[in-house]
Amino acid sequence: MKTFLMSLISAALLLTAFAGNATEPSIAKVQPAMDIAQTVIKIPLAKDISPDDAVEAMKLRANLLNIKLVAELQLSKQLAAMGEKSGRIEIYQFCNPLTAKKMVDYDINFAAYLPCRITLIEDRNGKGWLVMMNLDILLQDPKLTGSLRAEATHIRDALMEIMQAGASGAL
């Protein structure tokens, strides 16, 4: 009987150790660390392309592709106004309103990814980059219908074309 009780107590302690409590993370629930670099697409600006050239090329290409530039955030200018030194950081937000509505109608969670953003940033060495979320992550949703997946893929391709135009200065 004593051995049975000791086994029962040991099992209970083991279960308690793995279950944790509601306020502390459990060992069994620890997720592997995500490599943030795998969630984005980065394209360097060509050596002879200035950030201004890149922005102009992106805006022109977006217009040609009927993708709307809906907002520009000049973060580096805001930082300068706050007395903070920074390389150039600008966020350009692009959208196809009809596709955006369809995505949100499909699943409200897609609203967190709207509008699509391309960031122009100068790294510590002054090198210009264009950075965007890797939309392939969203396109992997197995519930996306054929037509909605096709529209989302078209937007991804258009954004990639906008980034390529900006990085190369192609008008």
Protein backbone atom coordinates (compact mmCIF):
# COMPACT_ATOMS: atom_id res chain seq x y z
CA MET A 1 0.00 0.00 0.00
CA LYS A 2 2.87 2.35 0.88
CA THR A 3 4.46 1.78 -2.54
CA PHE A 4 1.12 2.48 -4.26
CA LEU A 5 0.70 5.78 -2.35
CA MET A 6 4.27 6.83 -3.14
CA SER A 7 3.69 6.06 -6.85
CA LEU A 8 0.44 8.02 -6.80
CA ILE A 9 2.10 11.03 -5.13
CA SER A 10 5.01 10.88 -7.59
CA ALA A 11 2.64 10.77 -10.54
CA ALA A 12 0.65 13.72 -9.14
CA LEU A 13 3.83 15.77 -8.65
CA LEU A 14 5.01 14.94 -12.16
CA LEU A 15 1.68 15.98 -13.68
CA THR A 16 1.69 19.20 -11.65
CA ALA A 17 5.21 20.03 -12.81
CA PHE A 18 4.26 19.64 -16.46
CA ALA A 19 0.87 21.30 -16.19
CA GLY A 20 2.18 24.51 -14.64
CA ASN A 21 -0.39 27.07 -13.64
CA ALA A 22 -2.37 29.57 -15.68
CA THR A 23 0.03 32.44 -15.01
CA GLU A 24 3.30 30.66 -15.80
CA PRO A 25 4.33 29.22 -19.15
CA SER A 26 4.57 25.45 -19.19
CA ILE A 27 7.62 23.65 -20.49
CA ALA A 28 5.33 21.63 -22.74
CA LYS A 29 3.97 24.86 -24.31
CA VAL A 30 7.31 26.45 -25.23
CA GLN A 31 7.34 27.33 -28.92
CA PRO A 32 10.52 27.30 -31.01
CA ALA A 33 12.04 30.72 -31.60
CA MET A 34 10.97 32.33 -34.87
CA ASP A 35 13.59 33.72 -37.21
CA ILE A 36 12.04 37.09 -38.11
CA ALA A 37 14.21 37.30 -41.24
CA GLN A 38 12.22 34.41 -42.72
CA THR A 39 9.00 36.43 -42.51
CA VAL A 40 10.16 39.31 -44.69
CA ILE A 41 11.53 40.03 -48.14
CA LYS A 42 14.46 42.46 -48.33
CA ILE A 43 15.84 43.92 -51.52
CA PRO A 44 18.87 46.23 -51.53
CA LEU A 45 18.78 49.40 -53.60
CA ALA A 46 21.13 49.21 -56.57
CA LYS A 47 24.36 51.16 -56.06
CA ASP A 48 23.36 53.98 -58.38
CA ILE A 49 19.77 54.31 -57.02
CA SER A 50 19.07 56.95 -54.42
CA PRO A 51 16.25 56.53 -51.91
CA ASP A 52 14.37 59.32 -53.71
CA ASP A 53 14.76 57.47 -57.03
CA ALA A 54 13.46 54.30 -55.39
CA VAL A 55 10.39 56.04 -53.99
CA GLU A 56 9.58 57.67 -57.34
CA ALA A 57 9.95 54.35 -59.16
CA MET A 58 7.74 52.53 -56.62
CA LYS A 59 4.99 55.14 -56.88
CA LEU A 60 5.03 55.07 -60.68
CA ARG A 61 4.99 51.27 -60.83
CA ALA A 62 2.15 51.06 -58.30
CA ASN A 63 0.15 53.48 -60.43
CA LEU A 64 0.80 51.40 -63.57
CA LEU A 65 -0.38 48.28 -61.72
CA ASN A 66 -3.50 50.02 -60.38
CA ILE A 67 -2.33 49.57 -56.78
CA LYS A 68 -3.21 52.57 -54.64
CA LEU A 69 -0.66 54.32 -52.48
CA VAL A 70 -2.91 54.99 -49.48
CA ALA A 71 -0.41 56.34 -46.95
CA GLU A 72 3.17 57.41 -46.37
CA LEU A 73 4.76 57.47 -42.92
CA GLN A 74 7.93 59.55 -42.68
CA LEU A 75 9.28 58.01 -39.47
CA SER A 76 12.80 59.43 -39.79
CA LYS A 77 11.37 62.97 -40.04
CA GLN A 78 9.27 62.36 -36.94
CA LEU A 79 12.32 61.02 -35.11
CA ALA A 80 14.34 64.10 -36.14
CA ALA A 81 11.58 66.35 -34.79
CA MET A 82 11.91 64.47 -31.50
CA GLY A 83 15.69 65.04 -31.45
CA GLU A 84 16.51 61.43 -32.32
CA LYS A 85 19.15 60.64 -34.97
CA SER A 86 18.12 58.05 -37.51
CA GLY A 87 18.80 56.87 -40.99
CA ARG A 88 15.96 57.21 -43.43
CA ILE A 89 12.88 55.18 -42.45
CA GLU A 90 9.72 55.58 -44.53
CA ILE A 91 6.74 53.29 -44.78
CA TYR A 92 4.68 53.22 -47.96
CA GLN A 93 1.26 51.61 -47.70
CA PHE A 94 -0.29 50.14 -50.82
CA CYS A 95 -3.74 48.66 -51.32
CA ASN A 96 -6.23 47.30 -53.77
CA PRO A 97 -9.42 48.19 -51.85
CA LEU A 98 -11.60 45.52 -53.51
CA THR A 99 -9.19 42.71 -52.71
CA ALA A 100 -8.70 44.07 -49.19
CA LYS A 101 -12.45 43.97 -48.58
CA LYS A 102 -12.70 40.40 -49.88
CA MET A 103 -9.85 39.28 -47.62
CA VAL A 104 -11.44 40.86 -44.54
CA ASP A 105 -14.86 39.45 -45.46
CA TYR A 106 -13.21 36.02 -45.73
CA ASP A 107 -11.44 36.32 -42.35
CA ILE A 108 -11.34 39.41 -40.12
CA ASN A 109 -7.81 38.46 -39.03
CA PHE A 110 -6.47 39.59 -42.41
CA ALA A 111 -7.28 43.17 -41.33
CA ALA A 112 -4.10 43.12 -39.23
CA TYR A 113 -2.07 42.87 -42.45
CA LEU A 114 -3.78 45.73 -44.29
CA PRO A 115 -2.72 47.79 -46.07
CA CYS A 116 0.36 46.13 -47.53
CA ARG A 117 3.52 47.94 -46.50
CA ILE A 118 6.90 48.45 -48.09
CA THR A 119 9.49 50.13 -45.90
CA LEU A 120 12.39 52.12 -47.29
CA ILE A 121 15.19 52.03 -44.76
CA GLU A 122 18.85 52.97 -44.61
CA ASP A 123 20.89 50.56 -42.53
CA ARG A 124 23.70 51.55 -40.16
CA ASN A 125 26.10 51.77 -43.12
CA GLY A 126 23.81 54.06 -45.13
CA LYS A 127 22.79 51.27 -47.53
CA GLY A 128 19.20 51.55 -48.78
CA TRP A 129 16.80 48.61 -48.53
CA LEU A 130 13.18 47.88 -49.34
CA VAL A 131 11.52 45.55 -46.85
CA MET A 132 8.10 43.91 -46.96
CA MET A 133 6.33 41.08 -45.16
CA ASN A 134 6.59 37.79 -47.01
CA LEU A 135 2.99 37.40 -48.17
CA ASP A 136 3.58 33.73 -49.03
CA ILE A 137 2.95 33.09 -45.34
CA LEU A 138 -0.63 34.32 -45.72
CA LEU A 139 -1.13 32.57 -49.04
CA GLN A 140 -0.48 29.23 -47.35
CA ASP A 141 -3.84 29.41 -45.54
CA PRO A 142 -5.44 26.13 -46.67
CA LYS A 143 -8.95 27.62 -46.47
CA LEU A 144 -8.34 30.32 -49.08
CA THR A 145 -10.62 29.72 -52.05
CA GLY A 146 -9.20 29.51 -55.55
CA SER A 147 -10.40 32.95 -56.66
CA LEU A 148 -9.39 34.68 -53.42
CA ARG A 149 -5.99 32.96 -53.46
CA ALA A 150 -5.55 34.11 -57.06
CA GLU A 151 -6.34 37.74 -56.13
CA ALA A 152 -4.02 37.64 -53.12
CA THR A 153 -1.28 36.12 -55.29
CA HIS A 154 -1.80 38.92 -57.83
CA ILE A 155 -1.33 41.51 -55.04
CA ARG A 156 1.82 39.75 -53.83
CA ASP A 157 3.22 39.72 -57.36
CA ALA A 158 2.35 43.40 -57.86
CA LEU A 159 4.07 44.35 -54.61
CA MET A 160 7.15 42.38 -55.62
CA GLU A 161 7.15 44.23 -58.94
CA ILE A 162 6.85 47.55 -57.08
CA MET A 163 9.80 46.60 -54.86
CA GLN A 164 11.90 45.49 -57.84
CA ALA A 165 11.15 48.74 -59.65
CA GLY A 166 12.15 50.73 -56.58
CA ALA A 167 15.36 48.79 -56.00
CA SER A 168 16.46 49.15 -59.62
CA GLY A 169 15.00 52.61 -60.22
CA ALA A 170 13.03 51.29 -63.18
CA LEU A 171 10.39 53.78 -64.23
